């Protein structure tokens, strides 16, 4: 199950690991993504820390960590093909994987239904 932040990042918990990315809404708002700045493996983050950045033809946007943890892997495919985020933001376009996570932190995030209601409030 995916959980979403108000900043349009998502996290999916898979056992002891969390996969992090940006939502389809965020990818669509940014337009064609031309560059992705990824975090470094073994870097530690707490909720709200800047994980990286995405740049598009329209804008540049910071990516914030929706959950605390240590980066165990980054999606190197995004270096050569940042458009993967546009094509598949919530699958192949993931940003990084985190370990040493506290799964209770997702309790403050929105599930998919709550996130779609949040988007409607934003006028989407």
PDB file of N, CA and C in Angstrom:
ATOM      1  N   UNK A   1       0.842  -1.181   0.000  1.00  0.00           N
ATOM      2  CA  UNK A   1       0.000   0.000   0.000  1.00  0.00           C
ATOM      3  C   UNK A   1       0.888   1.246   0.000  1.00  0.00           C
ATOM      4  N   UNK A   2       0.510   2.218  -0.800  1.00  0.00           N
ATOM      5  CA  UNK A   2       1.253   3.471  -0.867  1.00  0.00           C
ATOM      6  C   UNK A   2       0.629   4.490   0.078  1.00  0.00           C
ATOM      7  N   UNK A   3       1.504   5.332   0.620  1.00  0.00           N
ATOM      8  CA  UNK A   3       1.100   6.450   1.454  1.00  0.00           C
ATOM      9  C   UNK A   3       1.670   7.714   0.821  1.00  0.00           C
ATOM     10  N   UNK A   4       0.936   8.818   0.954  1.00  0.00           N
ATOM     11  CA  UNK A   4       1.290  10.061   0.274  1.00  0.00           C
ATOM     12  C   UNK A   4       1.448  11.209   1.262  1.00  0.00           C
ATOM     13  N   UNK A   5       2.347  12.138   0.909  1.00  0.00           N
ATOM     14  CA  UNK A   5       2.526  13.351   1.706  1.00  0.00           C
ATOM     15  C   UNK A   5       1.802  14.502   1.007  1.00  0.00           C
ATOM     16  N   UNK A   6       1.604  15.589   1.740  1.00  0.00           N
ATOM     17  CA  UNK A   6       0.994  16.779   1.133  1.00  0.00           C
ATOM     18  C   UNK A   6       1.916  17.411   0.097  1.00  0.00           C
ATOM     19  N   UNK A   7       3.211  17.058   0.126  1.00  0.00           N
ATOM     20  CA  UNK A   7       4.174  17.557  -0.856  1.00  0.00           C
ATOM     21  C   UNK A   7       4.230  16.668  -2.096  1.00  0.00           C
ATOM     22  N   UNK A   8       3.364  15.655  -2.158  1.00  0.00           N
ATOM     23  CA  UNK A   8       3.197  14.769  -3.314  1.00  0.00           C
ATOM     24  C   UNK A   8       4.311  13.729  -3.472  1.00  0.00           C
ATOM     25  N   UNK A   9       4.979  13.401  -2.356  1.00  0.00           N
ATOM     26  CA  UNK A   9       5.858  12.237  -2.380  1.00  0.00           C
ATOM     27  C   UNK A   9       5.038  11.035  -1.938  1.00  0.00           C
ATOM     28  N   UNK A  10       5.468   9.862  -2.382  1.00  0.00           N
ATOM     29  CA  UNK A  10       4.819   8.633  -1.931  1.00  0.00           C
ATOM     30  C   UNK A  10       5.864   7.718  -1.318  1.00  0.00           C
ATOM     31  N   UNK A  11       5.393   6.827  -0.476  1.00  0.00           N
ATOM     32  CA  UNK A  11       6.244   5.801   0.123  1.00  0.00           C
ATOM     33  C   UNK A  11       5.452   4.496   0.134  1.00  0.00           C
ATOM     34  N   UNK A  12       6.143   3.428  -0.176  1.00  0.00           N
ATOM     35  CA  UNK A  12       5.541   2.095  -0.121  1.00  0.00           C
ATOM     36  C   UNK A  12       6.450   1.228   0.738  1.00  0.00           C
ATOM     37  N   UNK A  13       5.883   0.656   1.791  1.00  0.00           N
ATOM     38  CA  UNK A  13       6.654  -0.172   2.712  1.00  0.00           C
ATOM     39  C   UNK A  13       6.636  -1.614   2.211  1.00  0.00           C
ATOM     40  N   UNK A  14       7.833  -2.176   2.062  1.00  0.00           N
ATOM     41  CA  UNK A  14       7.993  -3.581   1.667  1.00  0.00           C
ATOM     42  C   UNK A  14       8.864  -4.249   2.723  1.00  0.00           C
ATOM     43  N   UNK A  15       8.235  -4.780   3.762  1.00  0.00           N
ATOM     44  CA  UNK A  15       8.983  -5.410   4.844  1.00  0.00           C
ATOM     45  C   UNK A  15       9.794  -4.385   5.610  1.00  0.00           C
ATOM     46  N   UNK A  16      11.114  -4.523   5.583  1.00  0.00           N
ATOM     47  CA  UNK A  16      12.021  -3.630   6.306  1.00  0.00           C
ATOM     48  C   UNK A  16      12.488  -2.455   5.452  1.00  0.00           C
ATOM     49  N   UNK A  17      11.924  -2.317   4.259  1.00  0.00           N
ATOM     50  CA  UNK A  17      12.388  -1.318   3.305  1.00  0.00           C
ATOM     51  C   UNK A  17      11.230  -0.437   2.849  1.00  0.00           C
ATOM     52  N   UNK A  18      11.555   0.813   2.546  1.00  0.00           N
ATOM     53  CA  UNK A  18      10.566   1.743   2.004  1.00  0.00           C
ATOM     54  C   UNK A  18      11.050   2.221   0.641  1.00  0.00           C
ATOM     55  N   UNK A  19      10.148   2.244  -0.333  1.00  0.00           N
ATOM     56  CA  UNK A  19      10.447   2.795  -1.655  1.00  0.00           C
ATOM     57  C   UNK A  19       9.799   4.172  -1.709  1.00  0.00           C
ATOM     58  N   UNK A  20      10.552   5.162  -2.217  1.00  0.00           N
ATOM     59  CA  UNK A  20      10.098   6.553  -2.214  1.00  0.00           C
ATOM     60  C   UNK A  20      10.090   7.097  -3.637  1.00  0.00           C
ATOM     61  N   UNK A  21       9.079   7.903  -3.946  1.00  0.00           N
ATOM     62  CA  UNK A  21       9.009   8.557  -5.251  1.00  0.00           C
ATOM     63  C   UNK A  21       8.087   9.754  -5.182  1.00  0.00           C
ATOM     64  N   UNK A  22       7.812  10.343  -6.357  1.00  0.00           N
ATOM     65  CA  UNK A  22       6.844  11.440  -6.412  1.00  0.00           C
ATOM     66  C   UNK A  22       5.579  10.931  -7.103  1.00  0.00           C
ATOM     67  N   UNK A  23       4.477  11.542  -6.766  1.00  0.00           N
ATOM     68  CA  UNK A  23       3.181  11.077  -7.266  1.00  0.00           C
ATOM     69  C   UNK A  23       2.992  11.414  -8.746  1.00  0.00           C
ATOM     70  N   UNK A  24       2.037  10.735  -9.331  1.00  0.00           N
ATOM     71  CA  UNK A  24       1.675  11.010 -10.722  1.00  0.00           C
ATOM     72  C   UNK A  24       1.217  12.462 -10.873  1.00  0.00           C
ATOM     73  N   UNK A  25       0.492  12.955  -9.875  1.00  0.00           N
ATOM     74  CA  UNK A  25       0.053  14.354  -9.899  1.00  0.00           C
ATOM     75  C   UNK A  25       1.257  15.287  -9.994  1.00  0.00           C
ATOM     76  N   UNK A  26       2.264  15.058  -9.150  1.00  0.00           N
ATOM     77  CA  UNK A  26       3.454  15.911  -9.149  1.00  0.00           C
ATOM     78  C   UNK A  26       4.180  15.835 -10.488  1.00  0.00           C
ATOM     79  N   UNK A  27       4.317  14.638 -11.020  1.00  0.00           N
ATOM     80  CA  UNK A  27       4.994  14.462 -12.309  1.00  0.00           C
ATOM     81  C   UNK A  27       4.256  15.206 -13.416  1.00  0.00           C
ATOM     82  N   UNK A  28       2.931  15.130 -13.403  1.00  0.00           N
ATOM     83  CA  UNK A  28       2.131  15.827 -14.418  1.00  0.00           C
ATOM     84  C   UNK A  28       2.243  17.338 -14.272  1.00  0.00           C
ATOM     85  N   UNK A  29       2.267  17.825 -13.025  1.00  0.00           N
ATOM     86  CA  UNK A  29       2.379  19.264 -12.778  1.00  0.00           C
ATOM     87  C   UNK A  29       3.729  19.802 -13.251  1.00  0.00           C
ATOM     88  N   UNK A  30       4.775  18.997 -13.077  1.00  0.00           N
ATOM     89  CA  UNK A  30       6.115  19.430 -13.469  1.00  0.00           C
ATOM     90  C   UNK A  30       6.301  19.446 -14.984  1.00  0.00           C
ATOM     91  N   UNK A  31       5.603  18.581 -15.684  1.00  0.00           N
ATOM     92  CA  UNK A  31       5.804  18.465 -17.130  1.00  0.00           C
ATOM     93  C   UNK A  31       6.998  17.561 -17.417  1.00  0.00           C
ATOM     94  N   UNK A  32       7.597  17.715 -18.586  1.00  0.00           N
ATOM     95  CA  UNK A  32       8.690  16.833 -19.005  1.00  0.00           C
ATOM     96  C   UNK A  32       9.911  17.017 -18.115  1.00  0.00           C
ATOM     97  N   UNK A  33      10.228  15.979 -17.365  1.00  0.00           N
ATOM     98  CA  UNK A  33      11.364  16.031 -16.441  1.00  0.00           C
ATOM     99  C   UNK A  33      12.652  15.810 -17.221  1.00  0.00           C
ATOM    100  N   UNK A  34      13.600  16.712 -17.004  1.00  0.00           N
ATOM    101  CA  UNK A  34      14.850  16.701 -17.769  1.00  0.00           C
ATOM    102  C   UNK A  34      16.065  16.318 -16.931  1.00  0.00           C
ATOM    103  N   UNK A  35      15.948  16.382 -15.602  1.00  0.00           N
ATOM    104  CA  UNK A  35      17.088  16.081 -14.731  1.00  0.00           C
ATOM    105  C   UNK A  35      16.581  15.672 -13.358  1.00  0.00           C
ATOM    106  N   UNK A  36      17.256  14.703 -12.744  1.00  0.00           N
ATOM    107  CA  UNK A  36      16.931  14.274 -11.389  1.00  0.00           C
ATOM    108  C   UNK A  36      18.211  14.244 -10.565  1.00  0.00           C
ATOM    109  N   UNK A  37      18.195  14.925  -9.430  1.00  0.00           N
ATOM    110  CA  UNK A  37      19.296  14.846  -8.465  1.00  0.00           C
ATOM    111  C   UNK A  37      18.905  13.810  -7.422  1.00  0.00           C
ATOM    112  N   UNK A  38      19.684  12.748  -7.326  1.00  0.00           N
ATOM    113  CA  UNK A  38      19.381  11.641  -6.419  1.00  0.00           C
ATOM    114  C   UNK A  38      20.193  11.761  -5.134  1.00  0.00           C
ATOM    115  N   UNK A  39      19.687  11.180  -4.047  1.00  0.00           N
ATOM    116  CA  UNK A  39      20.486  11.156  -2.820  1.00  0.00           C
ATOM    117  C   UNK A  39      21.648  10.167  -2.969  1.00  0.00           C
ATOM    118  N   UNK A  40      22.557  10.188  -2.035  1.00  0.00           N
ATOM    119  CA  UNK A  40      23.682   9.246  -2.021  1.00  0.00           C
ATOM    120  C   UNK A  40      23.307   8.025  -1.186  1.00  0.00           C
ATOM    121  N   UNK A  41      23.764   6.849  -1.614  1.00  0.00           N
ATOM    122  CA  UNK A  41      23.547   5.653  -0.804  1.00  0.00           C
ATOM    123  C   UNK A  41      24.227   5.825   0.545  1.00  0.00           C
ATOM    124  N   UNK A  42      23.611   5.289   1.573  1.00  0.00           N
ATOM    125  CA  UNK A  42      24.060   5.351   2.967  1.00  0.00           C
ATOM    126  C   UNK A  42      23.804   6.698   3.641  1.00  0.00           C
ATOM    127  N   UNK A  43      23.223   7.683   2.931  1.00  0.00           N
ATOM    128  CA  UNK A  43      22.847   8.941   3.572  1.00  0.00           C
ATOM    129  C   UNK A  43      21.631   8.706   4.465  1.00  0.00           C
ATOM    130  N   UNK A  44      21.607   9.373   5.605  1.00  0.00           N
ATOM    131  CA  UNK A  44      20.486   9.280   6.543  1.00  0.00           C
ATOM    132  C   UNK A  44      19.586  10.501   6.382  1.00  0.00           C
ATOM    133  N   UNK A  45      18.278  10.266   6.430  1.00  0.00           N
ATOM    134  CA  UNK A  45      17.296  11.340   6.308  1.00  0.00           C
ATOM    135  C   UNK A  45      16.241  11.198   7.390  1.00  0.00           C
ATOM    136  N   UNK A  46      15.708  12.331   7.810  1.00  0.00           N
ATOM    137  CA  UNK A  46      14.519  12.320   8.655  1.00  0.00           C
ATOM    138  C   UNK A  46      13.395  12.958   7.854  1.00  0.00           C
ATOM    139  N   UNK A  47      12.181  12.726   8.295  1.00  0.00           N
ATOM    140  CA  UNK A  47      11.016  13.269   7.592  1.00  0.00           C
ATOM    141  C   UNK A  47      11.222  14.761   7.323  1.00  0.00           C
ATOM    142  N   UNK A  48      10.983  15.152   6.079  1.00  0.00           N
ATOM    143  CA  UNK A  48      11.061  16.556   5.707  1.00  0.00           C
ATOM    144  C   UNK A  48      12.409  16.991   5.168  1.00  0.00           C
ATOM    145  N   UNK A  49      13.452  16.152   5.332  1.00  0.00           N
ATOM    146  CA  UNK A  49      14.756  16.481   4.757  1.00  0.00           C
ATOM    147  C   UNK A  49      14.686  16.440   3.240  1.00  0.00           C
ATOM    148  N   UNK A  50      15.486  17.277   2.598  1.00  0.00           N
ATOM    149  CA  UNK A  50      15.555  17.264   1.141  1.00  0.00           C
ATOM    150  C   UNK A  50      16.328  16.021   0.694  1.00  0.00           C
ATOM    151  N   UNK A  51      15.642  15.174  -0.085  1.00  0.00           N
ATOM    152  CA  UNK A  51      16.237  13.944  -0.626  1.00  0.00           C
ATOM    153  C   UNK A  51      16.949  14.200  -1.946  1.00  0.00           C
ATOM    154  N   UNK A  52      16.385  15.088  -2.727  1.00  0.00           N
ATOM    155  CA  UNK A  52      16.905  15.346  -4.057  1.00  0.00           C
ATOM    156  C   UNK A  52      16.097  16.434  -4.726  1.00  0.00           C
ATOM    157  N   UNK A  53      16.162  16.435  -6.054  1.00  0.00           N
ATOM    158  CA  UNK A  53      15.495  17.491  -6.815  1.00  0.00           C
ATOM    159  C   UNK A  53      15.148  16.962  -8.197  1.00  0.00           C
ATOM    160  N   UNK A  54      14.040  17.443  -8.727  1.00  0.00           N
ATOM    161  CA  UNK A  54      13.694  17.156 -10.119  1.00  0.00           C
ATOM    162  C   UNK A  54      13.575  18.474 -10.859  1.00  0.00           C
ATOM    163  N   UNK A  55      14.088  18.496 -12.080  1.00  0.00           N
ATOM    164  CA  UNK A  55      13.982  19.676 -12.921  1.00  0.00           C
ATOM    165  C   UNK A  55      13.221  19.290 -14.175  1.00  0.00           C
ATOM    166  N   UNK A  56      12.377  20.217 -14.612  1.00  0.00           N
ATOM    167  CA  UNK A  56      11.589  19.982 -15.820  1.00  0.00           C
ATOM    168  C   UNK A  56      11.664  21.216 -16.698  1.00  0.00           C
ATOM    169  N   UNK A  57      11.003  21.118 -17.833  1.00  0.00           N
ATOM    170  CA  UNK A  57      10.961  22.275 -18.730  1.00  0.00           C
ATOM    171  C   UNK A  57      10.191  23.432 -18.091  1.00  0.00           C
ATOM    172  N   UNK A  58       9.320  23.132 -17.120  1.00  0.00           N
ATOM    173  CA  UNK A  58       8.509  24.158 -16.462  1.00  0.00           C
ATOM    174  C   UNK A  58       9.136  24.708 -15.187  1.00  0.00           C
ATOM    175  N   UNK A  59       9.736  23.815 -14.374  1.00  0.00           N
ATOM    176  CA  UNK A  59      10.144  24.228 -13.027  1.00  0.00           C
ATOM    177  C   UNK A  59      11.152  23.261 -12.435  1.00  0.00           C
ATOM    178  N   UNK A  60      11.637  23.637 -11.283  1.00  0.00           N
ATOM    179  CA  UNK A  60      12.514  22.789 -10.477  1.00  0.00           C
ATOM    180  C   UNK A  60      11.803  22.571  -9.151  1.00  0.00           C
ATOM    181  N   UNK A  61      11.867  21.369  -8.617  1.00  0.00           N
ATOM    182  CA  UNK A  61      11.162  21.080  -7.380  1.00  0.00           C
ATOM    183  C   UNK A  61      11.994  20.161  -6.498  1.00  0.00           C
ATOM    184  N   UNK A  62      12.063  20.500  -5.206  1.00  0.00           N
ATOM    185  CA  UNK A  62      12.765  19.649  -4.255  1.00  0.00           C
ATOM    186  C   UNK A  62      11.918  18.420  -3.946  1.00  0.00           C
ATOM    187  N   UNK A  63      12.600  17.334  -3.643  1.00  0.00           N
ATOM    188  CA  UNK A  63      11.938  16.105  -3.196  1.00  0.00           C
ATOM    189  C   UNK A  63      12.269  15.958  -1.725  1.00  0.00           C
ATOM    190  N   UNK A  64      11.240  15.826  -0.899  1.00  0.00           N
ATOM    191  CA  UNK A  64      11.427  15.711   0.548  1.00  0.00           C
ATOM    192  C   UNK A  64      11.156  14.286   1.003  1.00  0.00           C
ATOM    193  N   UNK A  65      11.917  13.855   1.983  1.00  0.00           N
ATOM    194  CA  UNK A  65      11.756  12.503   2.494  1.00  0.00           C
ATOM    195  C   UNK A  65      10.439  12.380   3.254  1.00  0.00           C
ATOM    196  N   UNK A  66       9.551  11.498   2.814  1.00  0.00           N
ATOM    197  CA  UNK A  66       8.281  11.335   3.511  1.00  0.00           C
ATOM    198  C   UNK A  66       8.392  10.451   4.752  1.00  0.00           C
ATOM    199  N   UNK A  67       9.563   9.821   4.926  1.00  0.00           N
ATOM    200  CA  UNK A  67       9.781   8.909   6.040  1.00  0.00           C
ATOM    201  C   UNK A  67      11.271   8.935   6.368  1.00  0.00           C
ATOM    202  N   UNK A  68      11.611   8.697   7.626  1.00  0.00           N
ATOM    203  CA  UNK A  68      13.013   8.675   8.040  1.00  0.00           C
ATOM    204  C   UNK A  68      13.654   7.343   7.677  1.00  0.00           C
ATOM    205  N   UNK A  69      14.948   7.390   7.346  1.00  0.00           N
ATOM    206  CA  UNK A  69      15.659   6.154   7.041  1.00  0.00           C
ATOM    207  C   UNK A  69      17.009   6.409   6.413  1.00  0.00           C
ATOM    208  N   UNK A  70      17.659   5.333   6.035  1.00  0.00           N
ATOM    209  CA  UNK A  70      18.974   5.363   5.395  1.00  0.00           C
ATOM    210  C   UNK A  70      18.831   4.875   3.968  1.00  0.00           C
ATOM    211  N   UNK A  71      19.397   5.596   3.030  1.00  0.00           N
ATOM    212  CA  UNK A  71      19.287   5.227   1.612  1.00  0.00           C
ATOM    213  C   UNK A  71      20.056   3.932   1.368  1.00  0.00           C
ATOM    214  N   UNK A  72      19.341   2.919   0.884  1.00  0.00           N
ATOM    215  CA  UNK A  72      19.970   1.629   0.572  1.00  0.00           C
ATOM    216  C   UNK A  72      20.189   1.468  -0.924  1.00  0.00           C
ATOM    217  N   UNK A  73      19.428   2.209  -1.730  1.00  0.00           N
ATOM    218  CA  UNK A  73      19.567   2.128  -3.192  1.00  0.00           C
ATOM    219  C   UNK A  73      18.948   3.375  -3.805  1.00  0.00           C
ATOM    220  N   UNK A  74      19.487   3.765  -4.953  1.00  0.00           N
ATOM    221  CA  UNK A  74      18.898   4.854  -5.731  1.00  0.00           C
ATOM    222  C   UNK A  74      18.572   4.300  -7.117  1.00  0.00           C
ATOM    223  N   UNK A  75      17.631   4.940  -7.778  1.00  0.00           N
ATOM    224  CA  UNK A  75      17.209   4.501  -9.101  1.00  0.00           C
ATOM    225  C   UNK A  75      18.139   5.130 -10.147  1.00  0.00           C
ATOM    226  N   UNK A  76      19.267   4.462 -10.402  1.00  0.00           N
ATOM    227  CA  UNK A  76      20.263   4.970 -11.350  1.00  0.00           C
ATOM    228  C   UNK A  76      19.707   5.150 -12.757  1.00  0.00           C
ATOM    229  N   UNK A  77      18.630   4.463 -13.092  1.00  0.00           N
ATOM    230  CA  UNK A  77      18.023   4.607 -14.418  1.00  0.00           C
ATOM    231  C   UNK A  77      17.596   6.050 -14.685  1.00  0.00           C
ATOM    232  N   UNK A  78      17.305   6.794 -13.611  1.00  0.00           N
ATOM    233  CA  UNK A  78      16.840   8.172 -13.758  1.00  0.00           C
ATOM    234  C   UNK A  78      17.946   9.116 -14.216  1.00  0.00           C
ATOM    235  N   UNK A  79      19.198   8.721 -14.029  1.00  0.00           N
ATOM    236  CA  UNK A  79      20.310   9.572 -14.458  1.00  0.00           C
ATOM    237  C   UNK A  79      20.301   9.703 -15.977  1.00  0.00           C
ATOM    238  N   UNK A  80      20.185   8.581 -16.673  1.00  0.00           N
ATOM    239  CA  UNK A  80      20.171   8.592 -18.138  1.00  0.00           C
ATOM    240  C   UNK A  80      18.791   8.845 -18.723  1.00  0.00           C
ATOM    241  N   UNK A  81      17.746   8.529 -17.959  1.00  0.00           N
ATOM    242  CA  UNK A  81      16.384   8.652 -18.472  1.00  0.00           C
ATOM    243  C   UNK A  81      15.465   9.260 -17.407  1.00  0.00           C
ATOM    244  N   UNK A  82      15.629  10.574 -17.107  1.00  0.00           N
ATOM    245  CA  UNK A  82      14.781  11.195 -16.086  1.00  0.00           C
ATOM    246  C   UNK A  82      13.301  11.164 -16.436  1.00  0.00           C
ATOM    247  N   UNK A  83      12.981  11.017 -17.733  1.00  0.00           N
ATOM    248  CA  UNK A  83      11.596  10.940 -18.177  1.00  0.00           C
ATOM    249  C   UNK A  83      10.856   9.720 -17.667  1.00  0.00           C
ATOM    250  N   UNK A  84      11.579   8.754 -17.096  1.00  0.00           N
ATOM    251  CA  UNK A  84      10.920   7.592 -16.472  1.00  0.00           C
ATOM    252  C   UNK A  84       9.926   8.041 -15.416  1.00  0.00           C
ATOM    253  N   UNK A  85      10.233   9.164 -14.764  1.00  0.00           N
ATOM    254  CA  UNK A  85       9.306   9.670 -13.742  1.00  0.00           C
ATOM    255  C   UNK A  85       7.994  10.086 -14.394  1.00  0.00           C
ATOM    256  N   UNK A  86       8.057  10.693 -15.586  1.00  0.00           N
ATOM    257  CA  UNK A  86       6.824  11.059 -16.290  1.00  0.00           C
ATOM    258  C   UNK A  86       6.076   9.826 -16.770  1.00  0.00           C
ATOM    259  N   UNK A  87       6.814   8.848 -17.278  1.00  0.00           N
ATOM    260  CA  UNK A  87       6.194   7.648 -17.846  1.00  0.00           C
ATOM    261  C   UNK A  87       5.597   6.742 -16.778  1.00  0.00           C
ATOM    262  N   UNK A  88       6.284   6.624 -15.635  1.00  0.00           N
ATOM    263  CA  UNK A  88       5.875   5.668 -14.613  1.00  0.00           C
ATOM    264  C   UNK A  88       6.270   6.180 -13.224  1.00  0.00           C
ATOM    265  N   UNK A  89       5.654   7.294 -12.780  1.00  0.00           N
ATOM    266  CA  UNK A  89       6.088   7.929 -11.536  1.00  0.00           C
ATOM    267  C   UNK A  89       5.928   7.074 -10.282  1.00  0.00           C
ATOM    268  N   UNK A  90       4.971   6.170 -10.301  1.00  0.00           N
ATOM    269  CA  UNK A  90       4.711   5.399  -9.087  1.00  0.00           C
ATOM    270  C   UNK A  90       5.105   3.928  -9.245  1.00  0.00           C
ATOM    271  N   UNK A  91       5.993   3.658 -10.217  1.00  0.00           N
ATOM    272  CA  UNK A  91       6.496   2.309 -10.416  1.00  0.00           C
ATOM    273  C   UNK A  91       7.968   2.374 -10.831  1.00  0.00           C
ATOM    274  N   UNK A  92       8.246   2.446 -12.118  1.00  0.00           N
ATOM    275  CA  UNK A  92       9.632   2.452 -12.604  1.00  0.00           C
ATOM    276  C   UNK A  92      10.373   3.743 -12.291  1.00  0.00           C
ATOM    277  N   UNK A  93       9.651   4.820 -12.001  1.00  0.00           N
ATOM    278  CA  UNK A  93      10.269   6.113 -11.734  1.00  0.00           C
ATOM    279  C   UNK A  93      10.539   6.387 -10.261  1.00  0.00           C
ATOM    280  N   UNK A  94      10.649   5.338  -9.443  1.00  0.00           N
ATOM    281  CA  UNK A  94      10.942   5.537  -8.020  1.00  0.00           C
ATOM    282  C   UNK A  94      12.278   6.256  -7.853  1.00  0.00           C
ATOM    283  N   UNK A  95      12.448   6.947  -6.733  1.00  0.00           N
ATOM    284  CA  UNK A  95      13.648   7.748  -6.484  1.00  0.00           C
ATOM    285  C   UNK A  95      14.703   6.950  -5.717  1.00  0.00           C
ATOM    286  N   UNK A  96      14.306   6.418  -4.549  1.00  0.00           N
ATOM    287  CA  UNK A  96      15.271   5.683  -3.729  1.00  0.00           C
ATOM    288  C   UNK A  96      14.552   4.682  -2.837  1.00  0.00           C
ATOM    289  N   UNK A  97      15.373   3.822  -2.224  1.00  0.00           N
ATOM    290  CA  UNK A  97      14.894   2.858  -1.237  1.00  0.00           C
ATOM    291  C   UNK A  97      15.557   3.195   0.092  1.00  0.00           C
ATOM    292  N   UNK A  98      14.777   3.103   1.171  1.00  0.00           N
ATOM    293  CA  UNK A  98      15.277   3.408   2.509  1.00  0.00           C
ATOM    294  C   UNK A  98      15.174   2.192   3.412  1.00  0.00           C
ATOM    295  N   UNK A  99      16.166   2.015   4.268  1.00  0.00           N
ATOM    296  CA  UNK A  99      16.132   1.007   5.324  1.00  0.00           C
ATOM    297  C   UNK A  99      16.266   1.732   6.664  1.00  0.00           C
ATOM    298  N   UNK A 100      16.232   0.990   7.755  1.00  0.00           N
ATOM    299  CA  UNK A 100      16.255   1.585   9.104  1.00  0.00           C
ATOM    300  C   UNK A 100      15.086   2.548   9.271  1.00  0.00           C
ATOM    301  N   UNK A 101      13.924   2.102   8.817  1.00  0.00           N
ATOM    302  CA  UNK A 101      12.731   2.952   8.822  1.00  0.00           C
ATOM    303  C   UNK A 101      11.881   2.697  10.061  1.00  0.00           C
ATOM    304  N   UNK A 102      11.063   3.661  10.391  1.00  0.00           N
ATOM    305  CA  UNK A 102      10.069   3.528  11.451  1.00  0.00           C
ATOM    306  C   UNK A 102       8.709   3.516  10.753  1.00  0.00           C
ATOM    307  N   UNK A 103       8.142   2.338  10.614  1.00  0.00           N
ATOM    308  CA  UNK A 103       6.901   2.207   9.843  1.00  0.00           C
ATOM    309  C   UNK A 103       5.733   2.968  10.460  1.00  0.00           C
ATOM    310  N   UNK A 104       5.822   3.340  11.730  1.00  0.00           N
ATOM    311  CA  UNK A 104       4.719   4.091  12.336  1.00  0.00           C
ATOM    312  C   UNK A 104       4.632   5.501  11.764  1.00  0.00           C
ATOM    313  N   UNK A 105       5.689   5.977  11.105  1.00  0.00           N
ATOM    314  CA  UNK A 105       5.662   7.326  10.534  1.00  0.00           C
ATOM    315  C   UNK A 105       4.625   7.467   9.419  1.00  0.00           C
ATOM    316  N   UNK A 106       4.245   6.376   8.781  1.00  0.00           N
ATOM    317  CA  UNK A 106       3.239   6.468   7.722  1.00  0.00           C
ATOM    318  C   UNK A 106       1.851   6.765   8.292  1.00  0.00           C
ATOM    319  N   UNK A 107       1.692   6.618   9.608  1.00  0.00           N
ATOM    320  CA  UNK A 107       0.394   6.912  10.225  1.00  0.00           C
ATOM    321  C   UNK A 107      -0.015   8.360  10.050  1.00  0.00           C
ATOM    322  N   UNK A 108       0.960   9.243   9.821  1.00  0.00           N
ATOM    323  CA  UNK A 108       0.669  10.658   9.611  1.00  0.00           C
ATOM    324  C   UNK A 108       0.520  11.014   8.139  1.00  0.00           C
ATOM    325  N   UNK A 109       0.582  10.007   7.273  1.00  0.00           N
ATOM    326  CA  UNK A 109       0.462  10.239   5.834  1.00  0.00           C
ATOM    327  C   UNK A 109      -0.931   9.832   5.361  1.00  0.00           C
ATOM    328  N   UNK A 110      -1.227  10.139   4.109  1.00  0.00           N
ATOM    329  CA  UNK A 110      -2.533   9.820   3.530  1.00  0.00           C
ATOM    330  C   UNK A 110      -2.469   8.508   2.756  1.00  0.00           C
ATOM    331  N   UNK A 111      -3.519   7.702   2.888  1.00  0.00           N
ATOM    332  CA  UNK A 111      -3.614   6.544   2.000  1.00  0.00           C
ATOM    333  C   UNK A 111      -4.100   7.045   0.640  1.00  0.00           C
ATOM    334  N   UNK A 112      -4.221   6.143  -0.320  1.00  0.00           N
ATOM    335  CA  UNK A 112      -4.565   6.553  -1.682  1.00  0.00           C
ATOM    336  C   UNK A 112      -5.896   7.301  -1.740  1.00  0.00           C
ATOM    337  N   UNK A 113      -6.922   6.798  -1.046  1.00  0.00           N
ATOM    338  CA  UNK A 113      -8.236   7.461  -1.065  1.00  0.00           C
ATOM    339  C   UNK A 113      -8.156   8.872  -0.485  1.00  0.00           C
ATOM    340  N   UNK A 114      -7.480   9.011   0.637  1.00  0.00           N
ATOM    341  CA  UNK A 114      -7.354  10.320   1.272  1.00  0.00           C
ATOM    342  C   UNK A 114      -6.549  11.278   0.380  1.00  0.00           C
ATOM    343  N   UNK A 115      -5.535  10.749  -0.304  1.00  0.00           N
ATOM    344  CA  UNK A 115      -4.717  11.586  -1.182  1.00  0.00           C
ATOM    345  C   UNK A 115      -5.544  12.107  -2.361  1.00  0.00           C
ATOM    346  N   UNK A 116      -6.388  11.236  -2.958  1.00  0.00           N
ATOM    347  CA  UNK A 116      -7.220  11.685  -4.073  1.00  0.00           C
ATOM    348  C   UNK A 116      -8.227  12.746  -3.614  1.00  0.00           C
ATOM    349  N   UNK A 117      -8.735  12.604  -2.404  1.00  0.00           N
ATOM    350  CA  UNK A 117      -9.631  13.640  -1.852  1.00  0.00           C
ATOM    351  C   UNK A 117      -8.860  14.933  -1.646  1.00  0.00           C
ATOM    352  N   UNK A 118      -7.612  14.827  -1.192  1.00  0.00           N
ATOM    353  CA  UNK A 118      -6.756  15.998  -1.023  1.00  0.00           C
ATOM    354  C   UNK A 118      -6.528  16.706  -2.356  1.00  0.00           C
ATOM    355  N   UNK A 119      -6.276  15.926  -3.416  1.00  0.00           N
ATOM    356  CA  UNK A 119      -6.075  16.512  -4.743  1.00  0.00           C
ATOM    357  C   UNK A 119      -7.318  17.250  -5.224  1.00  0.00           C
ATOM    358  N   UNK A 120      -8.491  16.684  -4.926  1.00  0.00           N
ATOM    359  CA  UNK A 120      -9.735  17.349  -5.328  1.00  0.00           C
ATOM    360  C   UNK A 120      -9.859  18.698  -4.637  1.00  0.00           C
ATOM    361  N   UNK A 121      -9.432  18.768  -3.373  1.00  0.00           N
ATOM    362  CA  UNK A 121      -9.471  20.047  -2.649  1.00  0.00           C
ATOM    363  C   UNK A 121      -8.537  21.055  -3.310  1.00  0.00           C
ATOM    364  N   UNK A 122      -7.450  20.564  -3.910  1.00  0.00           N
ATOM    365  CA  UNK A 122      -6.512  21.452  -4.592  1.00  0.00           C
ATOM    366  C   UNK A 122      -7.036  21.937  -5.938  1.00  0.00           C
ATOM    367  N   UNK A 123      -8.160  21.336  -6.359  1.00  0.00           N
ATOM    368  CA  UNK A 123      -8.775  21.753  -7.616  1.00  0.00           C
ATOM    369  C   UNK A 123      -8.350  20.933  -8.799  1.00  0.00           C
ATOM    370  N   UNK A 124      -7.904  19.725  -8.541  1.00  0.00           N
ATOM    371  CA  UNK A 124      -7.454  18.855  -9.641  1.00  0.00           C
ATOM    372  C   UNK A 124      -8.553  17.945 -10.094  1.00  0.00           C
TER     373      UNK A 124
END
